[in-house]
């Protein structure tokens, strides 16, 4: 990549080796908080561009009407699994940071995304 070229959005998985080798210079991350993989790189908001936020997320959703005790059990089990060091490590190897949430937090987040 030549000096002065711009990469708008790149995968952490493919860009981290280039960043660490000095072949690619990140200007900002698109997530609301700094990336633990690139702690010295500011967010777009910190760089003077508030409102620029893009992040990947995934979730497990059950059908409407699933009993509350079942959803509570699933949520607790998933949160517990995501806290296991080997599970965290497998996500981090792919460039993701697990961020478990409650049903209410996920609902609020999904509404804000829409």
Foldseek 3Di string as FASTA:
>chain_A
DDPPDDDDDDFCLVCVVCVVVVNDPDAADQAPADAPSCNPHHHVVVVPRPPRHDDDDDDDDDDPPDDPVVLVVVLVVVVVVCPDPVNQVVQVNRPDGDDRDHPVVVVVVVVVVD
